[in-house]
Amino acid sequence: MKNINSSKKNRIREGSKTANVIIYSIAFLLALICLYPMYYVLILSLSQPRAAATMQVYWVPKGFYLGGYEKIFGDKLLWSSYLNTIMYAAAEMLLMLLTCSTFAYALSVKTLKHRKLVNAFILIPMYFSGGTIPLFMMVMKYGLYNTPFSLILVGGYSIWYIILIKSYFSTIPETLREAAKIDGASHYQIWLDVYLPVAKPILAVIALYTIVNVWNSWFNAALFLADQKIQPLQLYLRRVLVQDAVDLTVELATAEEMRAAQENAISNSQLKYTVIIVSSLPMLVAYPFFQKYFVKGVMLGSLKE
């Protein structure tokens, strides 16, 4: 009887409805905290400009206003900026995976001469860099200024990602490399056919990080790209917000002009929420495709050396 009663108690404790309600309530609250800010920006972008400017929107849009989206999507330069950003993200991601994985594979080979010295040496530029001016001078010297290569080549490697991939490669049994060598495989074949297929989780994480970083970056583009036709999306959106700003301190001739300027300022303040949605939506759509690799890659690639 005691065993039966104890098993019933265990079943009650493990399947307690009260515990389930508490757990699901906490999970729902955390999900709401994470999702509401983006939802709030979305309803602000769809609300009337005056309601959005005075923060009178909480759960549903007040009025239905698509003027911000019409203003953004009506410009052909937006679509070229989108294509430029996709091109930069894809090219930089491929270059990042190529440079980091090859370097990491070389460092994972225990027979590499001066391996410890190289490991120590690459840490120096990770913590100390020359700064913006030497970087700009280098771009100018090699004729990369105002070309797409000024963004792709400058951001095509990362010492931190090299360390992450190297840490992941160190978890792969050395017997795989030795077996491939016995079969006559070269280092290039071992890297391509043995290590890369096994390292898909960490490579997917780095690909995601690289794409997000390129998508959100505007500073290097502001430094190196003067031609608007090859500028990325974030620089275009920043320019829209800056150029559409209205200086209300300027003396206007009539009350009508002042009223029109104020309305334009209110409309432009609402435009920033539209900009956030336009720039964030592609990343929100792409993230679920990387999620299954994301957790595994972070846990295995960054914790074990």
Protein backbone atom coordinates (compact mmCIF):
# COMPACT_ATOMS: atom_id res chain seq x y z
CA MET A 1 0.00 0.00 0.00
CA LYS A 2 2.85 2.33 0.81
CA ASN A 3 4.38 1.81 -2.63
CA ILE A 4 1.04 2.46 -4.32
CA ASN A 5 0.46 5.64 -2.32
CA SER A 6 3.98 6.91 -3.01
CA SER A 7 3.59 6.30 -6.76
CA LYS A 8 0.29 8.18 -6.72
CA LYS A 9 1.95 11.07 -4.94
CA ASN A 10 4.70 11.12 -7.55
CA ARG A 11 2.16 11.15 -10.35
CA ILE A 12 0.26 13.95 -8.69
CA ARG A 13 3.41 15.98 -8.15
CA GLU A 14 4.72 15.44 -11.69
CA GLY A 15 1.38 16.14 -13.39
CA SER A 16 0.05 18.80 -11.08
CA LYS A 17 -2.38 21.12 -12.80
CA THR A 18 -1.32 23.97 -10.54
CA ALA A 19 2.31 23.56 -11.52
CA ASN A 20 1.37 23.44 -15.21
CA VAL A 21 -0.68 26.63 -14.89
CA ILE A 22 2.20 28.42 -13.16
CA ILE A 23 4.79 27.23 -15.71
CA TYR A 24 2.66 28.13 -18.72
CA SER A 25 1.75 31.49 -17.21
CA ILE A 26 5.41 32.36 -16.70
CA ALA A 27 6.27 31.18 -20.22
CA PHE A 28 3.41 33.25 -21.67
CA LEU A 29 4.51 36.32 -19.70
CA LEU A 30 8.10 35.97 -20.92
CA ALA A 31 6.92 35.52 -24.51
CA LEU A 32 4.72 38.62 -24.18
CA ILE A 33 7.62 40.66 -22.82
CA CYS A 34 9.78 39.60 -25.78
CA LEU A 35 7.17 40.01 -28.52
CA TYR A 36 5.23 43.08 -27.37
CA PRO A 37 7.93 45.69 -28.19
CA MET A 38 8.00 44.57 -31.84
CA TYR A 39 4.21 44.35 -31.93
CA TYR A 40 4.02 47.83 -30.40
CA VAL A 41 6.27 49.25 -33.11
CA LEU A 42 4.11 47.53 -35.73
CA ILE A 43 0.83 49.07 -34.50
CA LEU A 44 2.52 52.46 -34.19
CA SER A 45 3.60 52.21 -37.82
CA LEU A 46 -0.03 51.51 -38.80
CA SER A 47 -1.59 54.24 -36.64
CA GLN A 48 -2.37 57.83 -37.51
CA PRO A 49 0.77 59.99 -37.17
CA ARG A 50 -0.67 62.21 -34.44
CA ALA A 51 -1.73 59.21 -32.31
CA ALA A 52 1.69 57.62 -32.77
CA ALA A 53 3.53 60.84 -31.95
CA THR A 54 1.56 61.30 -28.70
CA MET A 55 1.93 57.60 -27.75
CA GLN A 56 -1.82 57.03 -27.49
CA VAL A 57 -1.56 53.52 -29.00
CA TYR A 58 -1.33 50.43 -26.79
CA TRP A 59 -2.92 47.25 -28.20
CA VAL A 60 -4.51 48.07 -31.55
CA PRO A 61 -3.74 50.76 -34.14
CA LYS A 62 -5.62 54.05 -33.80
CA GLY A 63 -6.83 54.76 -37.26
CA PHE A 64 -5.30 52.95 -40.19
CA TYR A 65 -2.47 54.82 -41.85
CA LEU A 66 -0.21 53.43 -44.56
CA GLY A 67 1.37 56.72 -45.56
CA GLY A 68 4.70 55.75 -44.05
CA TYR A 69 4.86 52.52 -46.03
CA GLU A 70 3.77 54.31 -49.21
CA LYS A 71 6.52 56.86 -48.70
CA ILE A 72 9.18 54.19 -48.15
CA PHE A 73 8.11 51.65 -50.79
CA GLY A 74 7.36 54.29 -53.40
CA ASP A 75 11.04 55.10 -53.77
CA LYS A 76 12.88 52.94 -56.32
CA LEU A 77 16.11 53.56 -54.48
CA LEU A 78 14.75 51.47 -51.60
CA TRP A 79 14.58 48.35 -53.75
CA SER A 80 18.10 48.81 -55.08
CA SER A 81 19.28 49.30 -51.49
CA TYR A 82 17.53 46.06 -50.52
CA LEU A 83 19.28 44.20 -53.33
CA ASN A 84 22.61 45.74 -52.36
CA THR A 85 22.20 44.61 -48.76
CA ILE A 86 21.28 41.08 -49.82
CA MET A 87 24.33 40.99 -52.08
CA TYR A 88 26.63 42.28 -49.34
CA ALA A 89 25.19 39.88 -46.76
CA ALA A 90 25.51 36.83 -49.04
CA ALA A 91 29.02 37.67 -50.25
CA GLU A 92 30.34 38.54 -46.81
CA MET A 93 28.77 35.43 -45.28
CA LEU A 94 30.41 33.13 -47.85
CA LEU A 95 33.76 34.89 -47.48
CA MET A 96 33.49 34.75 -43.69
CA LEU A 97 32.80 31.01 -43.69
CA LEU A 98 35.63 30.36 -46.15
CA THR A 99 38.31 32.37 -44.37
CA CYS A 100 37.36 31.39 -40.82
CA SER A 101 36.86 27.67 -41.48
CA THR A 102 40.12 27.27 -43.41
CA PHE A 103 42.11 29.17 -40.79
CA ALA A 104 40.42 27.23 -37.99
CA TYR A 105 41.14 23.92 -39.68
CA ALA A 106 44.83 24.80 -40.01
CA LEU A 107 44.99 25.68 -36.30
CA SER A 108 43.25 22.42 -35.38
CA VAL A 109 46.02 20.35 -37.02
CA LYS A 110 48.27 19.37 -34.13
CA THR A 111 51.29 18.85 -36.38
CA LEU A 112 51.22 22.47 -37.60
CA LYS A 113 54.58 24.15 -36.95
CA HIS A 114 54.53 27.00 -34.41
CA ARG A 115 50.85 26.29 -33.75
CA LYS A 116 50.90 27.74 -30.23
CA LEU A 117 52.67 30.89 -31.43
CA VAL A 118 50.06 31.46 -34.14
CA ASN A 119 47.24 30.89 -31.63
CA ALA A 120 48.74 33.53 -29.35
CA PHE A 121 49.50 35.94 -32.19
CA ILE A 122 45.95 36.08 -33.61
CA LEU A 123 44.63 37.23 -30.24
CA ILE A 124 46.49 40.55 -30.54
CA PRO A 125 44.45 42.07 -33.40
CA MET A 126 41.26 40.73 -31.81
CA TYR A 127 41.78 43.02 -28.80
CA PHE A 128 43.77 45.84 -30.42
CA SER A 129 43.02 47.37 -33.83
CA GLY A 130 44.49 50.26 -35.77
CA GLY A 131 41.23 52.20 -35.77
CA THR A 132 39.12 53.91 -38.38
CA ILE A 133 41.76 56.17 -39.96
CA PRO A 134 44.26 53.40 -40.83
CA LEU A 135 41.40 51.30 -42.17
CA PHE A 136 40.21 54.17 -44.36
CA MET A 137 43.76 54.79 -45.61
CA MET A 138 44.14 51.11 -46.49
CA VAL A 139 40.86 51.11 -48.43
CA MET A 140 41.97 54.20 -50.36
CA LYS A 141 45.44 52.79 -51.06
CA TYR A 142 44.11 49.59 -52.65
CA GLY A 143 41.51 51.42 -54.74
CA LEU A 144 38.52 49.95 -52.94
CA TYR A 145 36.84 53.24 -52.05
CA ASN A 146 33.30 53.61 -53.42
CA THR A 147 33.20 49.97 -54.52
CA PRO A 148 31.27 47.02 -53.02
CA PHE A 149 34.58 45.33 -52.18
CA SER A 150 35.27 47.97 -49.54
CA LEU A 151 32.50 46.40 -47.44
CA ILE A 152 32.88 42.76 -48.43
CA LEU A 153 36.65 42.42 -48.03
CA VAL A 154 36.92 44.52 -44.87
CA GLY A 155 34.27 42.44 -43.11
CA GLY A 156 35.21 39.08 -44.62
CA TYR A 157 36.94 37.60 -41.59
CA SER A 158 36.65 37.50 -37.80
CA ILE A 159 39.21 36.22 -35.31
CA TRP A 160 36.48 35.48 -32.81
CA TYR A 161 34.69 33.27 -35.34
CA ILE A 162 37.98 31.53 -36.11
CA ILE A 163 38.32 30.67 -32.42
CA LEU A 164 34.73 29.41 -32.30
CA ILE A 165 35.17 27.12 -35.31
CA LYS A 166 38.54 25.91 -34.03
CA SER A 167 36.91 25.03 -30.71
CA TYR A 168 34.24 23.08 -32.58
CA PHE A 169 36.81 21.31 -34.76
CA SER A 170 38.64 20.22 -31.61
CA THR A 171 35.54 18.20 -30.61
CA ILE A 172 35.79 16.12 -33.80
CA PRO A 173 37.68 12.84 -33.15
CA GLU A 174 41.22 12.86 -34.50
CA THR A 175 40.61 9.34 -35.81
CA LEU A 176 38.46 10.80 -38.61
CA ARG A 177 41.39 12.84 -39.88
CA GLU A 178 43.75 9.88 -39.60
CA ALA A 179 41.33 7.57 -41.44
CA ALA A 180 40.99 10.11 -44.24
CA LYS A 181 44.78 10.40 -44.50
CA ILE A 182 45.09 6.62 -44.79
CA ASP A 183 42.62 6.75 -47.67
CA GLY A 184 44.90 9.26 -49.39
CA ALA A 185 42.87 12.43 -48.72
CA SER A 186 44.67 15.77 -48.72
CA HIS A 187 44.12 18.47 -46.11
CA TYR A 188 41.81 20.26 -48.53
CA GLN A 189 39.69 17.12 -48.96
CA ILE A 190 39.62 16.48 -45.20
CA TRP A 191 38.49 20.06 -44.57
CA LEU A 192 35.82 19.95 -47.28
CA ASP A 193 34.49 16.39 -46.99
CA VAL A 194 35.03 15.54 -43.31
CA TYR A 195 35.11 18.65 -41.15
CA LEU A 196 32.65 20.99 -42.85
CA PRO A 197 29.73 18.51 -42.97
CA VAL A 198 30.20 17.74 -39.26
CA ALA A 199 30.47 21.44 -38.36
CA LYS A 200 27.15 22.54 -39.89
CA PRO A 201 25.70 23.80 -36.56
CA ILE A 202 28.51 26.24 -35.77
CA LEU A 203 28.76 27.32 -39.42
CA ALA A 204 25.02 28.06 -39.44
CA VAL A 205 25.40 30.18 -36.30
CA ILE A 206 28.25 32.17 -37.81
CA ALA A 207 26.30 32.59 -41.05
CA LEU A 208 23.36 33.99 -39.08
CA TYR A 209 25.56 36.32 -37.04
CA THR A 210 27.26 37.60 -40.18
CA ILE A 211 24.00 38.23 -42.03
CA VAL A 212 22.49 40.08 -39.06
CA ASN A 213 25.64 42.16 -38.62
CA VAL A 214 25.72 43.15 -42.30
CA TRP A 215 21.99 43.86 -42.33
CA ASN A 216 22.24 46.24 -39.37
CA SER A 217 25.51 47.90 -40.36
CA TRP A 218 25.68 51.41 -41.79
CA PHE A 219 28.89 52.99 -40.48
CA ASN A 220 31.35 51.37 -42.90
CA ALA A 221 29.01 52.10 -45.79
CA ALA A 222 28.89 55.77 -44.73
CA LEU A 223 32.70 55.83 -44.75
CA PHE A 224 33.45 53.95 -47.95
CA LEU A 225 30.42 54.32 -50.26
CA ALA A 226 29.61 57.74 -51.72
CA ASP A 227 27.43 56.48 -54.58
CA GLN A 228 23.83 56.04 -53.44
CA LYS A 229 23.25 53.34 -56.05
CA ILE A 230 25.53 50.90 -54.21
CA GLN A 231 24.66 51.87 -50.65
CA PRO A 232 22.94 49.31 -48.37
CA LEU A 233 19.46 49.47 -46.89
CA GLN A 234 20.38 50.79 -43.45
CA LEU A 235 22.18 53.80 -44.90
CA TYR A 236 19.20 54.53 -47.14
CA LEU A 237 16.79 54.39 -44.20
CA ARG A 238 19.05 56.58 -42.10
CA ARG A 239 19.20 59.12 -44.90
CA VAL A 240 15.41 59.13 -45.22
CA LEU A 241 14.98 59.96 -41.54
CA VAL A 242 17.67 62.66 -41.55
CA GLN A 243 16.58 64.37 -44.75
CA ASP A 244 12.90 64.33 -43.84
CA ALA A 245 13.53 66.04 -40.51
CA VAL A 246 11.94 69.51 -40.32
CA ASP A 247 13.53 72.40 -38.47
CA LEU A 248 10.64 74.22 -36.77
CA THR A 249 12.93 77.03 -35.62
CA VAL A 250 13.09 78.37 -39.18
CA GLU A 251 10.89 81.44 -39.64
CA LEU A 252 7.88 80.67 -41.80
CA ALA A 253 5.86 83.27 -43.64
CA THR A 254 2.31 82.28 -42.67
CA ALA A 255 0.44 80.32 -40.06
CA GLU A 256 -0.52 77.84 -42.78
CA GLU A 257 3.12 77.11 -43.49
CA MET A 258 3.79 76.65 -39.78
CA ARG A 259 0.84 74.28 -39.45
CA ALA A 260 1.94 72.31 -42.52
CA ALA A 261 5.50 72.08 -41.15
CA GLN A 262 4.19 70.80 -37.83
CA GLU A 263 2.06 68.16 -39.55
CA ASN A 264 5.04 67.12 -41.63
CA ALA A 265 7.16 66.82 -38.49
CA ILE A 266 4.52 64.62 -36.85
CA SER A 267 4.32 62.45 -39.96
CA ASN A 268 8.10 62.11 -40.06
CA SER A 269 8.24 61.12 -36.39
CA GLN A 270 5.83 58.28 -37.19
CA LEU A 271 8.00 57.27 -40.14
CA LYS A 272 10.72 55.90 -37.83
CA TYR A 273 8.42 53.07 -36.74
CA THR A 274 7.82 52.14 -40.36
CA VAL A 275 11.57 52.14 -40.92
CA ILE A 276 12.09 49.72 -38.01
CA ILE A 277 9.52 47.28 -39.39
CA VAL A 278 10.87 47.47 -42.95
CA SER A 279 14.46 46.86 -41.85
CA SER A 280 13.71 44.15 -39.27
CA LEU A 281 11.14 42.00 -41.06
CA PRO A 282 13.56 40.03 -43.32
CA MET A 283 15.68 39.00 -40.33
CA LEU A 284 12.60 37.95 -38.37
CA VAL A 285 11.53 35.77 -41.30
CA ALA A 286 14.99 34.23 -41.82
CA TYR A 287 15.77 33.43 -38.18
CA PRO A 288 13.48 30.35 -37.78
CA PHE A 289 15.37 28.57 -40.59
CA PHE A 290 18.60 28.82 -38.55
CA GLN A 291 17.08 28.13 -35.15
CA LYS A 292 17.64 24.36 -35.09
CA TYR A 293 21.37 24.92 -35.65
CA PHE A 294 21.58 27.99 -33.47
CA VAL A 295 21.26 26.44 -29.99
CA LYS A 296 23.40 23.41 -30.78
CA GLY A 297 26.10 25.48 -32.44
CA VAL A 298 26.36 27.96 -29.58
CA MET A 299 26.49 25.28 -26.89
CA LEU A 300 29.04 23.03 -28.61
CA GLY A 301 31.12 25.58 -30.44
CA SER A 302 31.79 28.09 -27.68
CA LEU A 303 32.05 26.03 -24.48
CA LYS A 304 34.59 23.38 -25.29
CA GLU A 305 38.19 24.04 -26.24
